[in-house]
Amino acid sequence: MSERLIVIGGGQAASTVVASMRGFGDERPITVISEETDPPYQRPPLSKGYLQGKVPRDRLLLRPAAWYREHDVVLRLEGRVIDIDRDQARVTLDDGEQLDYGALVLATGATPRRLPAAIGGELDGVYVLRSRADSDAIRRRLEQARSLLVIGGGYIGLEVAASVAGRGCHVMVVEMADRILQRVAAPETSDFFRDVHRAHGVDIRESTGLVRLLGEDGRVHGAELDDGTVCDADVVVVGIGVRPNDDLARNAGLDTDDGILVDERCRSSDPAILAAGDCARFWLDGRRIRLESVQNANDQARAAARALCGREVAYRPVPWFWSDQFDVRLKIAGFSAGYDEVVTRPGRATGSLSVWYYRQGRLIAVDSLTDAASHTIARKLLAAGQSPPPSRVRDTGLELKTLFA
C-alpha cells in the first residue's frame, strides 16, 4: 500500500496542510494536484490590492515554488483529478495517469455561481472572481471601461466596487435582497457600508433584481433591472455566492450536503480521506456549517495535518474574517448566524463602530468597523466563552477591556 499523501487543491488549505505536515516532522511522500498554473496563492487580494495593481503577482504566492522542491513535495500544476477509487486507494487524473495514496486530503475549495446564459451570463465582459486569472481579466477590461455593474451586494461585490470606484468609472451595485450584506451581517453593518460606498460615488441599488444583461456582437454593454432602469455596463462582475466543490467526493460515495461532511478531526465518511477549507462542512456550535475564510482554511488544514500525524485535536474554531473597503477595515470575530439581539458601540476614532451579536443572551460575534480594540477584546471573549451582558457593552462609560474578566 502506498504511503503517499495526495492533496487535491491549489489554495490556502492545500498549502497549509502540506507545510504543517512537514512542520510536524512527517516525511511521507506528498503530491499536491492543482488545476491552477501557479503554486498555491492567496485569494483575498484578488478583489482588492491585486485588482488595483498594487500587489504584484509573486506576492500572492503563499510559498515560492522552490519551497515545495526543498521539502520533497511534488507539485502537479494544471492537473485535474476526475475520479477517486476508494477501494484501490487511487486517483485518476484527466490525462489518464493514476496515483495511489495512503491518505487523501480534499482542499478543493468552491466555485462562484454564474448568471444563466438565458439572461446574458455568457456574454463577453461578464466575470466571476475566484482565481488570479479572473482578476487579471477583470483588470484588463476595466482599463477601457466607463461603467462597472456588480451583481450582488456581498463582501466580494462590495470589495470590487470599492477597488474600482474613483478611477473614472461609474460603479453600480445591484442587490436583490432588502439590503447589502443581508445574508452575513446585521442592518447596522449594512447601513455603515452603504453610507461609505455612497460617499465615494458608488450607486447602490437594493431590493432590485436583474432582468437581463444587454449585449451586442456577443459583448455586454448594459443591463435591464426590474425597477425599469436600463443602465450602461461595459464590465459586469457577478458576486452571488459560491457552491462547494464536492462533486469529486460525492461521486466517490463520500457523505456530502452542501460540502464534504467531516467530523471534528476533519475526517470524511472514509477515514483515509480528509477535507479542509471552503469545501468542508463541519459542526460548530450545534450546527453544520461551511466557513469561507482564510482563518478556517488555515486552522482546519492544521487540524487535518495533526490528524494525519497522530496528533489529533478537535477542531473548534473561533472564526474571524476581514474585509477592506475604501479606508474602512472590517474585522469579524465569531459567527453571527441565528442572532436575535444586536448592540452597537461607538469606537474611539471618529466614525468607528462595533456591532455585537447575541443569541439567547449569549455573545456569538462582533463586527469591528475600523475599531481594532473591539476586535481584540471580542476574540478574547469568544475564545474564553465569556459573554458580557448587552447592557455592559452598551455602556460607553465602561472601558472595553473591563468586558473581559
Protein backbone atom coordinates (compact mmCIF):
# COMPACT_ATOMS: atom_id res chain seq x y z
CA MET A 1 0.00 0.00 0.00
CA SER A 2 1.28 3.46 -0.88
CA GLU A 3 2.37 5.81 1.90
CA ARG A 4 1.83 8.82 -0.34
CA LEU A 5 -0.33 11.69 0.86
CA ILE A 6 -2.20 13.31 -2.02
CA VAL A 7 -3.62 16.80 -1.56
CA ILE A 8 -6.13 17.98 -4.14
CA GLY A 9 -6.38 21.78 -4.35
CA GLY A 10 -4.37 24.90 -5.01
CA GLY A 11 -5.32 27.35 -2.28
CA GLN A 12 -4.76 28.26 1.34
CA ALA A 13 -5.88 24.93 2.83
CA ALA A 14 -3.76 22.85 0.45
CA SER A 15 -0.64 24.88 1.16
CA THR A 16 -1.17 24.89 4.92
CA VAL A 17 -1.80 21.16 5.30
CA VAL A 18 1.43 20.39 3.44
CA ALA A 19 3.50 22.91 5.41
CA SER A 20 2.01 21.64 8.68
CA MET A 21 2.87 18.04 7.82
CA ARG A 22 6.47 18.95 7.23
CA GLY A 23 6.46 21.15 10.33
CA PHE A 24 5.37 18.15 12.39
CA GLY A 25 8.32 16.19 11.02
CA ASP A 26 6.27 13.92 8.78
CA GLU A 27 8.46 12.65 5.93
CA ARG A 28 5.98 10.65 3.86
CA PRO A 29 5.82 11.40 0.10
CA ILE A 30 3.40 14.23 -0.67
CA THR A 31 1.88 15.18 -4.01
CA VAL A 32 -0.23 18.31 -4.47
CA ILE A 33 -2.51 18.31 -7.52
CA SER A 34 -3.86 21.71 -8.56
CA GLU A 35 -5.72 22.95 -11.62
CA GLU A 36 -4.00 26.33 -11.27
CA THR A 37 -1.00 27.46 -13.29
CA ASP A 38 0.69 28.91 -10.17
CA PRO A 39 1.65 27.32 -6.85
CA PRO A 40 -0.97 27.84 -4.09
CA TYR A 41 -1.70 31.53 -3.61
CA GLN A 42 -3.80 33.97 -1.58
CA ARG A 43 -7.33 34.79 -2.73
CA PRO A 44 -8.28 37.89 -0.67
CA PRO A 45 -6.06 40.36 -2.59
CA LEU A 46 -7.76 39.38 -5.87
CA SER A 47 -10.70 41.69 -5.14
CA LYS A 48 -8.57 44.38 -3.51
CA GLY A 49 -4.87 45.18 -3.88
CA TYR A 50 -4.14 42.81 -6.76
CA LEU A 51 -7.17 44.04 -8.73
CA GLN A 52 -5.92 47.60 -8.23
CA GLY A 53 -2.43 46.69 -9.42
CA LYS A 54 -0.88 47.40 -6.01
CA VAL A 55 0.03 43.79 -5.17
CA PRO A 56 2.39 42.07 -7.65
CA ARG A 57 1.76 38.53 -8.80
CA ASP A 58 4.66 36.97 -6.91
CA ARG A 59 3.38 38.40 -3.61
CA LEU A 60 0.21 36.36 -3.99
CA LEU A 61 2.14 33.12 -3.54
CA LEU A 62 1.78 31.53 -0.12
CA ARG A 63 5.15 29.86 -0.61
CA PRO A 64 7.57 30.06 -3.54
CA ALA A 65 7.78 27.10 -5.90
CA ALA A 66 11.25 26.34 -4.54
CA TRP A 67 9.80 25.65 -1.08
CA TYR A 68 7.95 22.58 -2.38
CA ARG A 69 11.07 21.20 -4.01
CA GLU A 70 13.14 21.83 -0.89
CA HIS A 71 10.60 19.97 1.25
CA ASP A 72 10.17 16.99 -1.08
CA VAL A 73 6.67 17.91 -2.15
CA VAL A 74 5.67 17.12 -5.73
CA LEU A 75 3.60 19.99 -7.12
CA ARG A 76 1.43 18.95 -10.08
CA LEU A 77 0.05 22.12 -11.62
CA GLU A 78 -2.61 22.25 -14.34
CA GLY A 79 -3.72 18.80 -13.28
CA ARG A 80 -7.28 17.74 -12.57
CA VAL A 81 -8.42 14.70 -10.63
CA ILE A 82 -11.51 13.17 -12.26
CA ASP A 83 -12.01 10.08 -10.12
CA ILE A 84 -11.29 8.67 -6.67
CA ASP A 85 -11.25 4.89 -6.40
CA ARG A 86 -11.58 4.31 -2.66
CA ASP A 87 -11.34 0.50 -2.92
CA GLN A 88 -7.97 0.74 -4.66
CA ALA A 89 -6.93 3.96 -2.83
CA ARG A 90 -6.17 5.54 -6.18
CA VAL A 91 -6.94 8.78 -8.01
CA THR A 92 -7.18 9.25 -11.76
CA LEU A 93 -6.14 12.48 -13.48
CA ASP A 94 -7.69 13.91 -16.61
CA ASP A 95 -4.68 12.80 -18.66
CA GLY A 96 -5.30 9.20 -17.62
CA GLU A 97 -2.48 8.93 -15.08
CA GLN A 98 -3.29 7.08 -11.87
CA LEU A 99 -1.69 7.68 -8.47
CA ASP A 100 -2.03 5.51 -5.36
CA TYR A 101 -2.46 7.12 -1.97
CA GLY A 102 -2.23 6.16 1.66
CA ALA A 103 -4.20 9.23 2.69
CA LEU A 104 -6.03 11.88 0.73
CA VAL A 105 -6.89 15.48 1.62
CA LEU A 106 -9.58 17.28 -0.37
CA ALA A 107 -8.95 21.03 -0.34
CA THR A 108 -10.96 21.64 -3.50
CA GLY A 109 -12.47 24.98 -2.48
CA ALA A 110 -15.60 26.42 -4.05
CA THR A 111 -16.82 27.73 -7.41
CA PRO A 112 -18.64 31.06 -7.91
CA ARG A 113 -22.23 30.88 -9.07
CA ARG A 114 -22.77 32.34 -12.54
CA LEU A 115 -25.70 34.04 -14.20
CA PRO A 116 -27.76 31.87 -16.56
CA ALA A 117 -26.91 32.16 -20.24
CA ALA A 118 -30.57 32.99 -20.92
CA ILE A 119 -30.16 36.39 -19.26
CA GLY A 120 -26.71 37.16 -20.66
CA GLY A 121 -24.44 35.32 -18.27
CA GLU A 122 -22.15 34.12 -21.07
CA LEU A 123 -21.64 37.49 -22.76
CA ASP A 124 -18.07 38.70 -23.17
CA GLY A 125 -17.26 41.11 -20.34
CA VAL A 126 -19.22 39.20 -17.66
CA TYR A 127 -16.97 37.79 -14.93
CA VAL A 128 -16.89 35.98 -11.63
CA LEU A 129 -13.93 36.43 -9.30
CA ARG A 130 -12.23 33.44 -7.76
CA SER A 131 -8.84 32.96 -9.41
CA ARG A 132 -5.86 35.09 -10.35
CA ALA A 133 -6.87 34.65 -13.99
CA ASP A 134 -10.32 36.08 -13.18
CA SER A 135 -8.78 39.14 -11.51
CA ASP A 136 -6.35 39.63 -14.41
CA ALA A 137 -9.19 39.51 -16.94
CA ILE A 138 -11.32 42.00 -14.99
CA ARG A 139 -8.41 44.40 -14.59
CA ARG A 140 -7.59 44.32 -18.30
CA ARG A 141 -11.20 45.01 -19.27
CA LEU A 142 -11.51 47.85 -16.75
CA GLU A 143 -8.64 49.73 -18.41
CA GLN A 144 -11.00 50.85 -21.17
CA ALA A 145 -14.30 50.71 -19.27
CA ARG A 146 -16.55 53.60 -18.37
CA SER A 147 -19.07 51.62 -16.33
CA LEU A 148 -18.94 48.65 -13.96
CA LEU A 149 -22.02 46.76 -12.81
CA VAL A 150 -21.65 44.50 -9.77
CA ILE A 151 -24.38 41.90 -9.31
CA GLY A 152 -24.61 41.04 -5.62
CA GLY A 153 -24.01 43.14 -2.53
CA GLY A 154 -21.92 40.70 -0.52
CA TYR A 155 -18.32 41.19 0.56
CA ILE A 156 -16.74 40.22 -2.76
CA GLY A 157 -19.03 42.51 -4.74
CA LEU A 158 -18.52 45.44 -2.40
CA GLU A 159 -14.74 44.96 -2.35
CA VAL A 160 -14.64 45.03 -6.14
CA ALA A 161 -16.81 48.16 -6.17
CA ALA A 162 -14.52 49.85 -3.64
CA SER A 163 -11.42 48.89 -5.64
CA VAL A 164 -12.78 50.42 -8.85
CA ALA A 165 -14.65 53.50 -7.57
CA GLY A 166 -12.86 56.79 -8.08
CA ARG A 167 -10.94 55.60 -11.16
CA GLY A 168 -13.10 57.42 -13.68
CA CYS A 169 -15.53 54.52 -13.98
CA HIS A 170 -19.17 54.66 -12.89
CA VAL A 171 -19.84 51.85 -10.42
CA MET A 172 -23.26 50.40 -9.64
CA VAL A 173 -24.03 47.58 -7.19
CA VAL A 174 -27.35 45.75 -7.61
CA GLU A 175 -28.66 43.67 -4.71
CA MET A 176 -31.99 41.86 -4.96
CA ALA A 177 -32.34 41.48 -1.16
CA ASP A 178 -33.66 44.29 1.02
CA ARG A 179 -30.13 45.41 1.88
CA ILE A 180 -26.49 44.76 1.08
CA LEU A 181 -24.77 42.15 3.28
CA GLN A 182 -28.17 40.85 4.38
CA ARG A 183 -27.03 37.21 4.49
CA VAL A 184 -23.96 37.86 6.63
CA ALA A 185 -24.46 40.98 8.75
CA ALA A 186 -26.91 42.98 10.84
CA PRO A 187 -28.70 46.04 9.42
CA GLU A 188 -26.33 48.28 11.39
CA THR A 189 -23.30 46.95 9.49
CA SER A 190 -25.18 47.16 6.19
CA ASP A 191 -26.10 50.79 6.92
CA PHE A 192 -22.47 51.63 7.70
CA PHE A 193 -21.15 50.27 4.42
CA ARG A 194 -23.99 51.66 2.34
CA ASP A 195 -23.13 55.14 3.61
CA VAL A 196 -19.40 54.61 2.95
CA HIS A 197 -19.96 53.45 -0.62
CA ARG A 198 -22.40 56.20 -1.49
CA ALA A 199 -19.99 58.78 -0.06
CA HIS A 200 -17.45 57.51 -2.61
CA GLY A 201 -19.88 57.73 -5.52
CA VAL A 202 -20.98 54.10 -5.74
CA ASP A 203 -24.59 53.71 -6.90
CA ILE A 204 -26.13 51.17 -4.51
CA ARG A 205 -29.46 49.65 -5.65
CA GLU A 206 -31.14 47.41 -3.06
CA SER A 207 -34.38 45.41 -3.46
CA THR A 208 -33.52 45.45 -7.15
CA GLY A 209 -33.16 42.43 -9.40
CA LEU A 210 -31.51 41.90 -12.74
CA VAL A 211 -33.91 41.17 -15.59
CA ARG A 212 -31.21 40.60 -18.20
CA LEU A 213 -27.87 41.80 -19.46
CA LEU A 214 -27.81 43.58 -22.79
CA GLY A 215 -25.26 42.66 -25.42
CA GLU A 216 -24.19 43.41 -28.94
CA ASP A 217 -21.98 41.14 -31.06
CA GLY A 218 -21.66 38.86 -28.04
CA ARG A 219 -20.31 41.59 -25.76
CA VAL A 220 -22.11 43.09 -22.77
CA HIS A 221 -22.92 46.79 -22.91
CA GLY A 222 -25.77 47.26 -20.44
CA ALA A 223 -28.42 45.81 -18.16
CA GLU A 224 -32.14 45.96 -17.60
CA LEU A 225 -33.22 45.99 -13.94
CA ASP A 226 -36.60 45.05 -12.53
CA ASP A 227 -37.28 48.60 -11.36
CA GLY A 228 -37.36 49.66 -15.01
CA THR A 229 -33.82 51.05 -15.09
CA VAL A 230 -31.69 50.42 -18.15
CA CYS A 231 -28.04 51.16 -17.38
CA ASP A 232 -24.68 51.01 -19.13
CA ALA A 233 -22.33 48.19 -18.18
CA ASP A 234 -19.02 47.79 -20.01
CA VAL A 235 -17.94 45.27 -17.35
CA VAL A 236 -20.09 43.06 -15.14
CA VAL A 237 -18.79 41.26 -12.05
CA VAL A 238 -21.10 38.63 -10.57
CA GLY A 239 -20.85 38.03 -6.83
CA ILE A 240 -23.91 35.96 -5.93
CA GLY A 241 -22.27 33.30 -3.79
CA VAL A 242 -20.39 30.07 -4.34
CA ARG A 243 -21.02 26.36 -4.30
CA PRO A 244 -18.55 23.96 -2.68
CA ASN A 245 -16.53 21.75 -4.99
CA ASP A 246 -17.81 18.47 -3.57
CA ASP A 247 -18.64 16.67 -6.82
CA LEU A 248 -15.47 14.56 -6.72
CA ALA A 249 -16.25 13.46 -3.15
CA ARG A 250 -19.90 12.76 -3.89
CA ASN A 251 -19.05 10.69 -6.97
CA ALA A 252 -16.67 8.67 -4.80
CA GLY A 253 -19.53 7.86 -2.42
CA LEU A 254 -18.49 10.17 0.43
CA ASP A 255 -21.18 11.84 2.53
CA THR A 256 -21.90 15.35 1.22
CA ASP A 257 -24.50 18.04 1.85
CA ASP A 258 -23.56 21.47 0.51
CA GLY A 259 -19.97 20.43 1.13
CA ILE A 260 -18.00 17.38 2.22
CA LEU A 261 -19.23 16.28 5.65
CA VAL A 262 -16.36 15.91 8.11
CA ASP A 263 -16.04 15.19 11.81
CA GLU A 264 -14.20 17.35 14.33
CA ARG A 265 -10.91 15.73 13.23
CA CYS A 266 -11.60 16.75 9.59
CA ARG A 267 -12.17 13.14 8.52
CA SER A 268 -14.82 12.38 5.92
CA SER A 269 -17.06 9.30 5.97
CA ASP A 270 -13.95 7.46 4.71
CA PRO A 271 -11.27 7.69 7.44
CA ALA A 272 -8.49 7.70 4.83
CA ILE A 273 -9.91 10.87 3.25
CA LEU A 274 -9.94 14.26 4.98
CA ALA A 275 -11.27 17.63 3.84
CA ALA A 276 -10.48 21.22 4.77
CA GLY A 277 -11.35 24.74 3.70
CA ASP A 278 -14.31 26.04 1.72
CA CYS A 279 -15.35 22.56 0.54
CA ALA A 280 -15.72 21.09 4.05
CA ARG A 281 -18.87 21.17 6.18
CA PHE A 282 -18.36 20.62 9.90
CA TRP A 283 -20.03 21.04 13.26
CA LEU A 284 -19.81 24.38 15.06
CA ASP A 285 -21.97 25.46 17.95
CA GLY A 286 -24.55 22.75 17.36
CA ARG A 287 -24.97 23.19 13.60
CA ARG A 288 -23.21 22.07 10.45
CA ILE A 289 -21.63 24.97 8.57
CA ARG A 290 -19.08 25.84 5.94
CA LEU A 291 -16.74 28.76 6.61
CA GLU A 292 -15.39 30.57 3.58
CA SER A 293 -12.43 32.31 5.19
CA VAL A 294 -8.64 32.31 5.35
CA GLN A 295 -8.81 31.59 9.09
CA ASN A 296 -10.86 28.47 8.56
CA ALA A 297 -8.74 27.23 5.66
CA ASN A 298 -5.56 27.59 7.70
CA ASP A 299 -6.83 26.29 11.05
CA GLN A 300 -8.81 23.41 9.60
CA ALA A 301 -5.85 22.40 7.44
CA ARG A 302 -3.62 22.34 10.53
CA ALA A 303 -6.19 20.19 12.31
CA ALA A 304 -6.24 17.79 9.34
CA ALA A 305 -2.45 17.60 9.37
CA ARG A 306 -2.46 16.84 13.09
CA ALA A 307 -4.95 14.02 12.50
CA LEU A 308 -2.73 12.56 9.78
CA CYS A 309 0.30 12.72 12.06
CA GLY A 310 -1.43 11.08 15.02
CA ARG A 311 -1.68 14.35 16.97
CA GLU A 312 -5.44 14.64 16.72
CA VAL A 313 -7.27 17.58 18.25
CA ALA A 314 -10.90 18.55 17.90
CA TYR A 315 -11.39 21.46 15.50
CA ARG A 316 -13.40 24.04 17.44
CA PRO A 317 -12.53 27.41 15.98
CA VAL A 318 -13.32 30.96 16.96
CA PRO A 319 -13.97 32.17 13.40
CA TRP A 320 -12.68 35.50 12.21
CA PHE A 321 -12.88 37.30 8.89
CA TRP A 322 -11.95 40.65 7.43
CA SER A 323 -12.88 42.95 4.54
CA ASP A 324 -11.16 46.11 3.30
CA GLN A 325 -13.35 48.67 1.54
CA PHE A 326 -12.02 52.19 0.88
CA ASP A 327 -10.43 53.32 4.16
CA VAL A 328 -12.58 51.00 6.29
CA ARG A 329 -11.28 47.73 7.66
CA LEU A 330 -13.98 45.40 8.87
CA LYS A 331 -12.90 42.62 11.22
CA ILE A 332 -15.40 39.99 12.30
CA ALA A 333 -14.94 37.68 15.27
CA GLY A 334 -17.32 34.77 15.74
CA PHE A 335 -20.24 33.56 13.63
CA SER A 336 -23.41 35.65 13.73
CA ALA A 337 -25.92 33.19 12.21
CA GLY A 338 -29.08 32.97 14.27
CA TYR A 339 -28.59 36.18 16.25
CA ASP A 340 -31.64 37.66 17.95
CA GLU A 341 -30.20 40.83 19.50
CA VAL A 342 -27.71 43.45 18.34
CA VAL A 343 -25.86 46.09 20.36
CA THR A 344 -23.81 48.86 18.74
CA ARG A 345 -20.95 50.66 20.42
CA PRO A 346 -19.02 53.64 19.01
CA GLY A 347 -15.25 53.28 18.87
CA ARG A 348 -12.68 55.82 19.97
CA ALA A 349 -11.87 57.03 16.47
CA THR A 350 -14.38 59.21 14.65
CA GLY A 351 -16.68 57.05 12.54
CA SER A 352 -15.56 53.75 14.07
CA LEU A 353 -18.12 51.30 15.36
CA SER A 354 -18.60 47.78 16.70
CA VAL A 355 -21.70 45.65 16.30
CA TRP A 356 -22.24 42.93 18.93
CA TYR A 357 -24.42 39.90 18.13
CA TYR A 358 -26.26 37.89 20.78
CA ARG A 359 -28.32 34.70 20.62
CA GLN A 360 -30.49 33.94 23.63
CA GLY A 361 -28.41 36.30 25.72
CA ARG A 362 -25.04 34.82 24.71
CA LEU A 363 -22.41 36.73 22.71
CA ILE A 364 -21.75 34.94 19.41
CA ALA A 365 -19.99 37.50 17.16
CA VAL A 366 -18.71 41.07 16.83
CA ASP A 367 -18.25 43.23 13.72
CA SER A 368 -15.49 45.80 14.28
CA LEU A 369 -15.52 48.66 11.78
CA THR A 370 -12.17 50.46 11.87
CA ASP A 371 -12.11 49.57 15.57
CA ALA A 372 -9.22 47.21 16.26
CA ALA A 373 -9.66 47.38 20.05
CA SER A 374 -13.14 45.87 19.96
CA HIS A 375 -11.96 43.07 17.67
CA THR A 376 -9.15 42.14 20.05
CA ILE A 377 -11.49 42.05 23.04
CA ALA A 378 -14.15 40.15 21.09
CA ARG A 379 -11.76 37.36 20.11
CA LYS A 380 -10.62 37.01 23.72
CA LEU A 381 -14.19 36.89 24.99
CA LEU A 382 -15.31 34.31 22.44
CA ALA A 383 -12.23 32.12 22.92
CA ALA A 384 -12.79 32.12 26.68
CA GLY A 385 -16.53 31.52 26.36
CA GLN A 386 -17.29 34.77 28.17
CA SER A 387 -20.42 36.75 27.38
CA PRO A 388 -20.72 40.25 28.86
CA PRO A 389 -24.39 41.26 29.13
CA PRO A 390 -25.63 43.62 26.41
CA SER A 391 -26.14 46.37 28.97
CA ARG A 392 -22.41 46.47 29.73
CA VAL A 393 -21.46 46.59 26.06
CA ARG A 394 -23.96 49.40 25.51
CA ASP A 395 -22.48 51.43 28.40
CA THR A 396 -19.85 53.63 26.69
CA GLY A 397 -18.67 54.78 30.09
CA LEU A 398 -17.06 51.38 30.58
CA GLU A 399 -13.64 50.69 29.10
CA LEU A 400 -13.68 47.85 26.58
CA LYS A 401 -11.02 45.92 28.45
CA THR A 402 -13.29 45.69 31.50
CA LEU A 403 -15.63 43.44 29.49
CA PHE A 404 -13.03 40.68 29.63
CA ALA A 405 -12.89 39.14 33.08
